[in-house]
Amino acid sequence: MRSTVSRPGGDALADAPRPGRPASVTREDREALAAPLDESGRRGRTWTAAALCDWLAAERGGRASAAWLTELLHWDGFRWKRTRDTLRHKADPVLQQAARARLEDLRPYGWTRTRA
């Protein structure tokens, strides 16, 4: 559907006002959200949708549910994935090597490792 209808004289008809409640999260609010998200991405900080809603309410006065804010951010091109819990950074490589050596001694003769 066209946003305007042209007349032969050059005058155009404007669209009628849209029904419904005005948006609770404006375009300016979404642009303001982009700055801390981009900065956090560079620093490796993660946000939850609920934390973003709290930030939006505190900083900009906007109110939105976590599900709706997630959808708005998705429309704006933000992508994310679930973070993974890992303890690899706490592992001691010396102790791991010693445990591997003990396991090698316990393996039956002729057994070979099938996967890494």
N, C-alpha and C. Protein backbone atom coordinates (compact mmCIF):
# COMPACT_ATOMS: atom_id res chain seq x y z
N MET A 1 0.84 -1.17 0.00
CA MET A 1 0.00 0.00 0.00
C MET A 1 0.89 1.24 0.00
N ARG A 2 0.52 2.21 -0.74
CA ARG A 2 1.31 3.43 -0.82
C ARG A 2 1.02 4.32 0.38
N SER A 3 2.06 5.06 0.81
CA SER A 3 1.87 5.94 1.95
C SER A 3 1.14 7.22 1.57
N THR A 4 1.20 7.58 0.31
CA THR A 4 0.47 8.77 -0.15
C THR A 4 -0.18 8.47 -1.49
N VAL A 5 -1.23 9.19 -1.77
CA VAL A 5 -1.90 9.07 -3.06
C VAL A 5 -1.73 10.41 -3.76
N SER A 6 -1.22 10.36 -4.95
CA SER A 6 -0.98 11.60 -5.68
C SER A 6 -2.21 11.98 -6.50
N ARG A 7 -2.43 13.25 -6.54
CA ARG A 7 -3.49 13.78 -7.38
C ARG A 7 -2.84 14.43 -8.60
N PRO A 8 -3.61 14.60 -9.63
CA PRO A 8 -3.02 15.23 -10.81
C PRO A 8 -2.45 16.63 -10.53
N GLY A 9 -2.99 17.33 -9.56
CA GLY A 9 -2.50 18.66 -9.24
C GLY A 9 -1.23 18.66 -8.42
N GLY A 10 -0.76 17.48 -7.95
CA GLY A 10 0.47 17.40 -7.17
C GLY A 10 0.23 17.33 -5.67
N ASP A 11 -1.02 17.55 -5.22
CA ASP A 11 -1.30 17.43 -3.79
C ASP A 11 -1.33 15.95 -3.42
N ALA A 12 -0.91 15.66 -2.20
CA ALA A 12 -0.90 14.28 -1.74
C ALA A 12 -1.74 14.16 -0.49
N LEU A 13 -2.33 13.01 -0.32
CA LEU A 13 -3.13 12.73 0.87
C LEU A 13 -2.23 12.05 1.91
N ALA A 14 -2.28 12.54 3.14
CA ALA A 14 -1.48 11.94 4.21
C ALA A 14 -2.21 10.74 4.78
N ASP A 15 -1.44 9.83 5.40
CA ASP A 15 -2.02 8.67 6.06
C ASP A 15 -2.84 9.11 7.27
N ALA A 16 -3.85 8.35 7.58
CA ALA A 16 -4.63 8.59 8.79
C ALA A 16 -3.79 8.18 9.99
N PRO A 17 -4.05 8.74 11.16
CA PRO A 17 -3.29 8.33 12.35
C PRO A 17 -3.48 6.84 12.62
N ARG A 18 -2.43 6.22 13.10
CA ARG A 18 -2.47 4.79 13.40
C ARG A 18 -3.21 4.56 14.71
N PRO A 19 -4.03 3.54 14.77
CA PRO A 19 -4.74 3.26 16.02
C PRO A 19 -3.80 2.61 17.04
N GLY A 20 -4.18 2.67 18.30
CA GLY A 20 -3.44 1.98 19.34
C GLY A 20 -2.62 2.92 20.20
N ARG A 21 -2.02 2.31 21.19
CA ARG A 21 -1.22 3.04 22.16
C ARG A 21 0.13 3.41 21.54
N PRO A 22 0.70 4.56 21.89
CA PRO A 22 2.02 4.92 21.38
C PRO A 22 3.08 3.93 21.88
N ALA A 23 4.14 3.82 21.16
CA ALA A 23 5.21 2.89 21.53
C ALA A 23 5.82 3.27 22.87
N SER A 24 6.04 2.27 23.73
CA SER A 24 6.64 2.54 25.03
C SER A 24 8.16 2.64 24.93
N VAL A 25 8.73 2.02 23.92
CA VAL A 25 10.17 2.11 23.67
C VAL A 25 10.35 2.80 22.33
N THR A 26 10.87 4.01 22.36
CA THR A 26 11.02 4.79 21.13
C THR A 26 12.28 4.42 20.39
N ARG A 27 12.40 4.94 19.19
CA ARG A 27 13.60 4.73 18.38
C ARG A 27 14.84 5.28 19.11
N GLU A 28 14.68 6.42 19.80
CA GLU A 28 15.80 7.01 20.54
C GLU A 28 16.22 6.10 21.70
N ASP A 29 15.24 5.47 22.35
CA ASP A 29 15.55 4.53 23.43
C ASP A 29 16.35 3.34 22.88
N ARG A 30 15.95 2.85 21.73
CA ARG A 30 16.65 1.71 21.14
C ARG A 30 18.06 2.08 20.72
N GLU A 31 18.24 3.30 20.22
CA GLU A 31 19.59 3.75 19.87
C GLU A 31 20.44 3.95 21.12
N ALA A 32 19.81 4.41 22.20
CA ALA A 32 20.54 4.57 23.46
C ALA A 32 20.96 3.21 24.02
N LEU A 33 20.16 2.19 23.83
CA LEU A 33 20.51 0.84 24.27
C LEU A 33 21.70 0.28 23.49
N ALA A 34 21.84 0.69 22.25
CA ALA A 34 22.89 0.14 21.39
C ALA A 34 24.28 0.50 21.92
N ALA A 35 24.45 1.70 22.47
CA ALA A 35 25.77 2.13 22.93
C ALA A 35 26.31 1.24 24.06
N PRO A 36 25.57 1.02 25.15
CA PRO A 36 26.13 0.14 26.19
C PRO A 36 26.27 -1.31 25.73
N LEU A 37 25.40 -1.76 24.83
CA LEU A 37 25.53 -3.13 24.34
C LEU A 37 26.80 -3.30 23.51
N ASP A 38 27.08 -2.33 22.66
CA ASP A 38 28.30 -2.41 21.85
C ASP A 38 29.55 -2.34 22.73
N GLU A 39 29.54 -1.45 23.71
CA GLU A 39 30.68 -1.33 24.62
C GLU A 39 30.86 -2.60 25.44
N SER A 40 29.78 -3.15 25.92
CA SER A 40 29.85 -4.39 26.70
C SER A 40 30.36 -5.55 25.86
N GLY A 41 29.97 -5.57 24.59
CA GLY A 41 30.44 -6.63 23.70
C GLY A 41 31.95 -6.58 23.52
N ARG A 42 32.49 -5.38 23.46
CA ARG A 42 33.95 -5.25 23.33
C ARG A 42 34.66 -5.69 24.61
N ARG A 43 34.02 -5.48 25.74
CA ARG A 43 34.64 -5.83 27.03
C ARG A 43 34.32 -7.25 27.46
N GLY A 44 33.42 -7.92 26.78
CA GLY A 44 33.08 -9.29 27.12
C GLY A 44 32.02 -9.42 28.19
N ARG A 45 31.33 -8.35 28.52
CA ARG A 45 30.25 -8.41 29.51
C ARG A 45 28.98 -8.87 28.83
N THR A 46 28.20 -9.64 29.55
CA THR A 46 26.93 -10.11 29.01
C THR A 46 25.78 -9.44 29.75
N TRP A 47 24.67 -9.28 29.08
CA TRP A 47 23.46 -8.70 29.63
C TRP A 47 22.35 -9.72 29.54
N THR A 48 21.45 -9.68 30.51
CA THR A 48 20.21 -10.43 30.38
C THR A 48 19.14 -9.47 29.90
N ALA A 49 18.06 -10.01 29.36
CA ALA A 49 16.98 -9.15 28.89
C ALA A 49 16.37 -8.39 30.06
N ALA A 50 16.28 -9.03 31.23
CA ALA A 50 15.72 -8.34 32.40
C ALA A 50 16.62 -7.19 32.84
N ALA A 51 17.94 -7.39 32.78
CA ALA A 51 18.87 -6.31 33.14
C ALA A 51 18.76 -5.15 32.16
N LEU A 52 18.56 -5.45 30.88
CA LEU A 52 18.38 -4.39 29.89
C LEU A 52 17.09 -3.62 30.15
N CYS A 53 16.04 -4.31 30.56
CA CYS A 53 14.78 -3.63 30.89
C CYS A 53 14.98 -2.70 32.09
N ASP A 54 15.72 -3.18 33.09
CA ASP A 54 16.01 -2.34 34.25
C ASP A 54 16.82 -1.12 33.86
N TRP A 55 17.84 -1.31 33.00
CA TRP A 55 18.66 -0.18 32.54
C TRP A 55 17.80 0.82 31.78
N LEU A 56 16.94 0.33 30.93
CA LEU A 56 16.08 1.20 30.13
C LEU A 56 15.15 2.02 31.03
N ALA A 57 14.59 1.39 32.06
CA ALA A 57 13.70 2.09 32.97
C ALA A 57 14.46 3.14 33.79
N ALA A 58 15.66 2.80 34.23
CA ALA A 58 16.44 3.72 35.07
C ALA A 58 17.02 4.88 34.27
N GLU A 59 17.54 4.61 33.09
CA GLU A 59 18.24 5.63 32.32
C GLU A 59 17.31 6.45 31.43
N ARG A 60 16.33 5.79 30.83
CA ARG A 60 15.51 6.47 29.82
C ARG A 60 14.04 6.58 30.20
N GLY A 61 13.63 5.88 31.25
CA GLY A 61 12.23 5.92 31.66
C GLY A 61 11.32 5.08 30.80
N GLY A 62 11.87 4.27 29.93
CA GLY A 62 11.06 3.40 29.06
C GLY A 62 10.69 2.12 29.77
N ARG A 63 9.53 1.61 29.47
CA ARG A 63 9.06 0.36 30.06
C ARG A 63 8.74 -0.63 28.95
N ALA A 64 9.28 -1.83 29.10
CA ALA A 64 8.99 -2.90 28.15
C ALA A 64 9.24 -4.23 28.83
N SER A 65 8.56 -5.25 28.38
CA SER A 65 8.82 -6.59 28.91
C SER A 65 10.12 -7.11 28.30
N ALA A 66 10.70 -8.09 28.96
CA ALA A 66 11.95 -8.66 28.46
C ALA A 66 11.75 -9.29 27.09
N ALA A 67 10.61 -9.96 26.89
CA ALA A 67 10.35 -10.61 25.60
C ALA A 67 10.23 -9.58 24.48
N TRP A 68 9.53 -8.47 24.77
CA TRP A 68 9.35 -7.46 23.74
C TRP A 68 10.67 -6.75 23.43
N LEU A 69 11.45 -6.45 24.46
CA LEU A 69 12.74 -5.80 24.25
C LEU A 69 13.68 -6.71 23.46
N THR A 70 13.62 -8.00 23.74
CA THR A 70 14.42 -8.97 22.98
C THR A 70 14.05 -8.92 21.50
N GLU A 71 12.76 -8.86 21.23
CA GLU A 71 12.31 -8.81 19.84
C GLU A 71 12.73 -7.50 19.16
N LEU A 72 12.62 -6.39 19.87
CA LEU A 72 13.04 -5.10 19.30
C LEU A 72 14.53 -5.11 18.97
N LEU A 73 15.34 -5.64 19.88
CA LEU A 73 16.78 -5.70 19.63
C LEU A 73 17.10 -6.62 18.46
N HIS A 74 16.34 -7.69 18.34
CA HIS A 74 16.54 -8.59 17.20
C HIS A 74 16.23 -7.87 15.89
N TRP A 75 15.16 -7.06 15.88
CA TRP A 75 14.82 -6.27 14.69
C TRP A 75 15.92 -5.26 14.36
N ASP A 76 16.60 -4.76 15.40
CA ASP A 76 17.67 -3.79 15.19
C ASP A 76 18.99 -4.44 14.77
N GLY A 77 19.01 -5.75 14.66
CA GLY A 77 20.20 -6.42 14.16
C GLY A 77 21.10 -7.01 15.23
N PHE A 78 20.68 -6.98 16.49
CA PHE A 78 21.49 -7.59 17.54
C PHE A 78 21.24 -9.09 17.55
N ARG A 79 22.34 -9.84 17.68
CA ARG A 79 22.27 -11.30 17.75
C ARG A 79 23.01 -11.74 18.99
N TRP A 80 22.60 -12.84 19.55
CA TRP A 80 23.25 -13.33 20.76
C TRP A 80 23.10 -14.82 20.83
N LYS A 81 23.87 -15.39 21.73
CA LYS A 81 23.74 -16.81 22.00
C LYS A 81 23.88 -17.02 23.50
N ARG A 82 23.43 -18.14 23.94
CA ARG A 82 23.48 -18.45 25.37
C ARG A 82 24.93 -18.62 25.81
N THR A 83 25.26 -18.05 26.97
CA THR A 83 26.61 -18.22 27.50
C THR A 83 26.75 -19.61 28.08
N ARG A 84 27.96 -20.12 28.08
CA ARG A 84 28.21 -21.46 28.57
C ARG A 84 29.02 -21.38 29.86
N ASP A 85 28.65 -22.23 30.80
CA ASP A 85 29.41 -22.32 32.04
C ASP A 85 30.55 -23.31 31.82
N THR A 86 31.74 -22.93 32.22
CA THR A 86 32.89 -23.80 32.08
C THR A 86 33.84 -23.59 33.23
N LEU A 87 34.58 -24.61 33.56
CA LEU A 87 35.59 -24.53 34.60
C LEU A 87 36.99 -24.71 34.03
N ARG A 88 37.14 -24.67 32.73
CA ARG A 88 38.44 -24.90 32.11
C ARG A 88 39.49 -23.90 32.56
N HIS A 89 39.09 -22.68 32.84
CA HIS A 89 40.06 -21.67 33.26
C HIS A 89 40.62 -21.96 34.65
N LYS A 90 39.96 -22.85 35.42
CA LYS A 90 40.43 -23.18 36.76
C LYS A 90 41.26 -24.47 36.78
N ALA A 91 41.37 -25.15 35.67
CA ALA A 91 42.07 -26.42 35.62
C ALA A 91 43.59 -26.20 35.73
N ASP A 92 44.24 -27.08 36.49
CA ASP A 92 45.70 -27.02 36.64
C ASP A 92 46.32 -27.98 35.63
N PRO A 93 47.07 -27.49 34.65
CA PRO A 93 47.61 -28.38 33.61
C PRO A 93 48.56 -29.44 34.16
N VAL A 94 49.29 -29.16 35.23
CA VAL A 94 50.22 -30.13 35.80
C VAL A 94 49.43 -31.30 36.40
N LEU A 95 48.39 -31.00 37.13
CA LEU A 95 47.58 -32.06 37.71
C LEU A 95 46.86 -32.88 36.64
N GLN A 96 46.43 -32.22 35.59
CA GLN A 96 45.77 -32.95 34.49
C GLN A 96 46.74 -33.91 33.82
N GLN A 97 47.97 -33.48 33.60
CA GLN A 97 48.96 -34.34 32.96
C GLN A 97 49.27 -35.54 33.85
N ALA A 98 49.36 -35.31 35.16
CA ALA A 98 49.62 -36.41 36.09
C ALA A 98 48.46 -37.41 36.07
N ALA A 99 47.23 -36.93 36.03
CA ALA A 99 46.07 -37.81 35.98
C ALA A 99 46.05 -38.60 34.68
N ARG A 100 46.42 -37.98 33.57
CA ARG A 100 46.48 -38.71 32.29
C ARG A 100 47.53 -39.82 32.35
N ALA A 101 48.67 -39.53 32.96
CA ALA A 101 49.73 -40.54 33.07
C ALA A 101 49.25 -41.72 33.92
N ARG A 102 48.54 -41.46 35.03
CA ARG A 102 48.01 -42.54 35.86
C ARG A 102 46.99 -43.37 35.09
N LEU A 103 46.16 -42.71 34.28
CA LEU A 103 45.18 -43.44 33.49
C LEU A 103 45.86 -44.34 32.46
N GLU A 104 46.95 -43.87 31.87
CA GLU A 104 47.67 -44.70 30.89
C GLU A 104 48.17 -45.98 31.55
N ASP A 105 48.61 -45.88 32.82
CA ASP A 105 49.11 -47.07 33.52
C ASP A 105 47.98 -48.05 33.82
N LEU A 106 46.75 -47.56 33.99
CA LEU A 106 45.62 -48.41 34.34
C LEU A 106 44.94 -49.06 33.14
N ARG A 107 45.23 -48.60 31.96
CA ARG A 107 44.56 -49.14 30.77
C ARG A 107 45.04 -50.56 30.46
N PRO A 108 44.11 -51.40 30.04
CA PRO A 108 44.51 -52.76 29.68
C PRO A 108 45.38 -52.76 28.42
N TYR A 109 46.17 -53.79 28.29
CA TYR A 109 47.07 -53.92 27.15
C TYR A 109 46.27 -53.97 25.85
N GLY A 110 46.71 -53.22 24.86
CA GLY A 110 46.09 -53.25 23.55
C GLY A 110 44.95 -52.27 23.38
N TRP A 111 44.51 -51.64 24.44
CA TRP A 111 43.41 -50.67 24.34
C TRP A 111 43.92 -49.38 23.70
N THR A 112 43.19 -48.84 22.74
CA THR A 112 43.58 -47.57 22.11
C THR A 112 42.48 -46.56 22.32
N ARG A 113 42.87 -45.35 22.34
CA ARG A 113 41.93 -44.25 22.52
C ARG A 113 41.08 -44.11 21.25
N THR A 114 39.76 -44.00 21.43
CA THR A 114 38.88 -43.93 20.26
C THR A 114 38.47 -42.52 19.90
N ARG A 115 38.54 -41.61 20.85
CA ARG A 115 38.20 -40.22 20.55
C ARG A 115 39.04 -39.28 21.37
N ALA A 116 39.09 -38.03 20.91
CA ALA A 116 39.96 -37.04 21.58
C ALA A 116 39.37 -36.51 22.85
